[in-house]
Protein backbone atom coordinates (compact mmCIF):
# COMPACT_ATOMS: atom_id res chain seq x y z
CA UNK A 1 0.00 0.00 0.00
CA UNK A 2 1.07 3.52 -0.63
CA UNK A 3 0.95 6.19 1.97
CA UNK A 4 -1.89 8.61 1.47
CA UNK A 5 -0.92 12.16 0.53
CA UNK A 6 -2.82 13.36 3.59
CA UNK A 7 -0.38 11.67 5.98
CA UNK A 8 0.37 14.40 8.45
CA UNK A 9 0.52 13.28 12.09
CA UNK A 10 0.85 16.85 13.34
CA UNK A 11 -2.78 17.64 12.50
CA UNK A 12 -3.99 14.86 14.78
CA UNK A 13 -4.44 16.06 18.39
CA UNK A 14 -4.14 12.51 19.75
CA UNK A 15 -0.42 12.57 18.91
CA UNK A 16 0.10 14.88 21.88
CA UNK A 17 -1.88 12.93 24.52
CA UNK A 18 0.79 10.41 25.59
CA UNK A 19 3.65 12.94 25.70
CA UNK A 20 1.47 15.33 27.71
CA UNK A 21 0.54 12.61 30.21
CA UNK A 22 4.19 11.65 30.55
CA UNK A 23 5.28 15.24 31.15
CA UNK A 24 2.55 15.73 33.77
CA UNK A 25 3.66 12.49 35.46
CA UNK A 26 7.25 13.74 35.56
CA UNK A 27 6.24 17.08 37.01
CA UNK A 28 3.99 15.42 39.62
CA UNK A 29 6.79 13.04 40.58
CA UNK A 30 9.23 15.91 41.07
CA UNK A 31 6.81 18.22 42.90
CA UNK A 32 5.48 15.54 45.24
CA UNK A 33 8.98 14.11 45.75
CA UNK A 34 7.96 10.59 44.78
CA UNK A 35 10.13 7.74 43.54
CA UNK A 36 11.18 7.92 39.89
CA UNK A 37 10.84 4.16 39.27
CA UNK A 38 7.36 4.32 37.66
CA UNK A 39 8.62 6.97 35.26
CA UNK A 40 11.72 4.90 34.53
CA UNK A 41 9.60 1.84 33.77
CA UNK A 42 7.26 3.81 31.50
CA UNK A 43 10.19 5.03 29.37
CA UNK A 44 11.79 1.64 28.80
CA UNK A 45 13.98 1.06 26.69
CA UNK A 46 14.99 4.74 26.44
CA UNK A 47 15.14 4.88 30.23
CA UNK A 48 18.33 2.81 30.25
CA UNK A 49 20.19 5.75 28.75
CA UNK A 50 18.18 8.36 30.65
CA UNK A 51 18.77 6.67 33.99
CA UNK A 52 22.53 6.71 33.41
CA UNK A 53 22.43 10.39 32.50
CA UNK A 54 20.26 11.26 35.51
CA UNK A 55 22.55 9.23 37.79
CA UNK A 56 25.70 10.92 36.47
CA UNK A 57 24.51 14.51 36.08
CA UNK A 58 21.49 14.69 38.40
CA UNK A 59 18.31 16.59 37.56
CA UNK A 60 16.03 13.63 36.70
CA UNK A 61 13.15 16.01 35.94
CA UNK A 62 15.20 17.49 33.10
CA UNK A 63 16.35 14.16 31.65
CA UNK A 64 13.08 12.28 31.98
CA UNK A 65 10.86 15.33 31.48
CA UNK A 66 12.45 16.47 28.24
CA UNK A 67 13.87 13.34 26.65
CA UNK A 68 11.30 10.92 28.04
CA UNK A 69 8.53 13.13 26.70
CA UNK A 70 10.34 13.30 23.36
CA UNK A 71 10.50 9.48 23.41
CA UNK A 72 6.72 9.29 23.89
CA UNK A 73 6.19 11.86 21.15
CA UNK A 74 8.23 9.78 18.70
CA UNK A 75 6.35 6.65 19.74
CA UNK A 76 3.04 8.42 19.15
CA UNK A 77 4.09 9.46 15.65
CA UNK A 78 5.27 5.90 14.94
CA UNK A 79 1.96 4.41 16.11
CA UNK A 80 0.05 6.96 14.04
CA UNK A 81 2.14 5.97 11.04
CA UNK A 82 1.37 2.28 11.68
CA UNK A 83 -2.32 3.08 12.03
CA UNK A 84 -2.33 4.59 8.53
CA UNK A 85 -1.52 1.23 6.93
C-alpha atoms as a PDB file:
ATOM      1  CA  UNK A   1       0.000   0.000   0.000  1.00  0.00           C
ATOM      2  CA  UNK A   2       1.069   3.521  -0.633  1.00  0.00           C
ATOM      3  CA  UNK A   3       0.954   6.187   1.974  1.00  0.00           C
ATOM      4  CA  UNK A   4      -1.889   8.608   1.475  1.00  0.00           C
ATOM      5  CA  UNK A   5      -0.916  12.156   0.532  1.00  0.00           C
ATOM      6  CA  UNK A   6      -2.821  13.360   3.593  1.00  0.00           C
ATOM      7  CA  UNK A   7      -0.378  11.674   5.981  1.00  0.00           C
ATOM      8  CA  UNK A   8       0.368  14.404   8.453  1.00  0.00           C
ATOM      9  CA  UNK A   9       0.525  13.277  12.089  1.00  0.00           C
ATOM     10  CA  UNK A  10       0.854  16.847  13.342  1.00  0.00           C
ATOM     11  CA  UNK A  11      -2.775  17.636  12.502  1.00  0.00           C
ATOM     12  CA  UNK A  12      -3.988  14.860  14.783  1.00  0.00           C
ATOM     13  CA  UNK A  13      -4.437  16.061  18.394  1.00  0.00           C
ATOM     14  CA  UNK A  14      -4.143  12.511  19.754  1.00  0.00           C
ATOM     15  CA  UNK A  15      -0.424  12.568  18.913  1.00  0.00           C
ATOM     16  CA  UNK A  16       0.100  14.880  21.884  1.00  0.00           C
ATOM     17  CA  UNK A  17      -1.885  12.931  24.518  1.00  0.00           C
ATOM     18  CA  UNK A  18       0.785  10.413  25.595  1.00  0.00           C
ATOM     19  CA  UNK A  19       3.652  12.936  25.698  1.00  0.00           C
ATOM     20  CA  UNK A  20       1.472  15.335  27.713  1.00  0.00           C
ATOM     21  CA  UNK A  21       0.539  12.613  30.210  1.00  0.00           C
ATOM     22  CA  UNK A  22       4.193  11.651  30.546  1.00  0.00           C
ATOM     23  CA  UNK A  23       5.276  15.241  31.153  1.00  0.00           C
ATOM     24  CA  UNK A  24       2.551  15.728  33.773  1.00  0.00           C
ATOM     25  CA  UNK A  25       3.659  12.491  35.461  1.00  0.00           C
ATOM     26  CA  UNK A  26       7.252  13.735  35.565  1.00  0.00           C
ATOM     27  CA  UNK A  27       6.238  17.079  37.013  1.00  0.00           C
ATOM     28  CA  UNK A  28       3.987  15.419  39.615  1.00  0.00           C
ATOM     29  CA  UNK A  29       6.787  13.042  40.580  1.00  0.00           C
ATOM     30  CA  UNK A  30       9.227  15.912  41.068  1.00  0.00           C
ATOM     31  CA  UNK A  31       6.812  18.219  42.899  1.00  0.00           C
ATOM     32  CA  UNK A  32       5.477  15.544  45.242  1.00  0.00           C
ATOM     33  CA  UNK A  33       8.984  14.110  45.753  1.00  0.00           C
ATOM     34  CA  UNK A  34       7.955  10.585  44.780  1.00  0.00           C
ATOM     35  CA  UNK A  35      10.132   7.739  43.541  1.00  0.00           C
ATOM     36  CA  UNK A  36      11.178   7.923  39.892  1.00  0.00           C
ATOM     37  CA  UNK A  37      10.842   4.162  39.270  1.00  0.00           C
ATOM     38  CA  UNK A  38       7.356   4.316  37.657  1.00  0.00           C
ATOM     39  CA  UNK A  39       8.617   6.974  35.263  1.00  0.00           C
ATOM     40  CA  UNK A  40      11.718   4.904  34.531  1.00  0.00           C
ATOM     41  CA  UNK A  41       9.600   1.844  33.770  1.00  0.00           C
ATOM     42  CA  UNK A  42       7.263   3.814  31.500  1.00  0.00           C
ATOM     43  CA  UNK A  43      10.185   5.030  29.372  1.00  0.00           C
ATOM     44  CA  UNK A  44      11.787   1.635  28.800  1.00  0.00           C
ATOM     45  CA  UNK A  45      13.984   1.062  26.689  1.00  0.00           C
ATOM     46  CA  UNK A  46      14.985   4.739  26.438  1.00  0.00           C
ATOM     47  CA  UNK A  47      15.145   4.880  30.230  1.00  0.00           C
ATOM     48  CA  UNK A  48      18.335   2.806  30.252  1.00  0.00           C
ATOM     49  CA  UNK A  49      20.186   5.746  28.752  1.00  0.00           C
ATOM     50  CA  UNK A  50      18.178   8.362  30.646  1.00  0.00           C
ATOM     51  CA  UNK A  51      18.775   6.665  33.990  1.00  0.00           C
ATOM     52  CA  UNK A  52      22.526   6.715  33.408  1.00  0.00           C
ATOM     53  CA  UNK A  53      22.429  10.390  32.499  1.00  0.00           C
ATOM     54  CA  UNK A  54      20.263  11.263  35.508  1.00  0.00           C
ATOM     55  CA  UNK A  55      22.548   9.229  37.790  1.00  0.00           C
ATOM     56  CA  UNK A  56      25.700  10.918  36.465  1.00  0.00           C
ATOM     57  CA  UNK A  57      24.509  14.508  36.076  1.00  0.00           C
ATOM     58  CA  UNK A  58      21.494  14.691  38.402  1.00  0.00           C
ATOM     59  CA  UNK A  59      18.307  16.586  37.564  1.00  0.00           C
ATOM     60  CA  UNK A  60      16.029  13.633  36.702  1.00  0.00           C
ATOM     61  CA  UNK A  61      13.152  16.012  35.938  1.00  0.00           C
ATOM     62  CA  UNK A  62      15.202  17.491  33.101  1.00  0.00           C
ATOM     63  CA  UNK A  63      16.353  14.161  31.654  1.00  0.00           C
ATOM     64  CA  UNK A  64      13.079  12.282  31.984  1.00  0.00           C
ATOM     65  CA  UNK A  65      10.856  15.325  31.481  1.00  0.00           C
ATOM     66  CA  UNK A  66      12.453  16.472  28.237  1.00  0.00           C
ATOM     67  CA  UNK A  67      13.875  13.343  26.653  1.00  0.00           C
ATOM     68  CA  UNK A  68      11.303  10.919  28.043  1.00  0.00           C
ATOM     69  CA  UNK A  69       8.530  13.129  26.696  1.00  0.00           C
ATOM     70  CA  UNK A  70      10.338  13.297  23.355  1.00  0.00           C
ATOM     71  CA  UNK A  71      10.499   9.482  23.410  1.00  0.00           C
ATOM     72  CA  UNK A  72       6.722   9.287  23.891  1.00  0.00           C
ATOM     73  CA  UNK A  73       6.192  11.857  21.153  1.00  0.00           C
ATOM     74  CA  UNK A  74       8.226   9.782  18.699  1.00  0.00           C
ATOM     75  CA  UNK A  75       6.346   6.645  19.736  1.00  0.00           C
ATOM     76  CA  UNK A  76       3.040   8.423  19.150  1.00  0.00           C
ATOM     77  CA  UNK A  77       4.095   9.455  15.654  1.00  0.00           C
ATOM     78  CA  UNK A  78       5.272   5.899  14.940  1.00  0.00           C
ATOM     79  CA  UNK A  79       1.960   4.406  16.107  1.00  0.00           C
ATOM     80  CA  UNK A  80       0.052   6.958  14.044  1.00  0.00           C
ATOM     81  CA  UNK A  81       2.136   5.970  11.038  1.00  0.00           C
ATOM     82  CA  UNK A  82       1.373   2.279  11.679  1.00  0.00           C
ATOM     83  CA  UNK A  83      -2.321   3.081  12.032  1.00  0.00           C
ATOM     84  CA  UNK A  84      -2.326   4.592   8.526  1.00  0.00           C
ATOM     85  CA  UNK A  85      -1.517   1.233   6.931  1.00  0.00           C
END
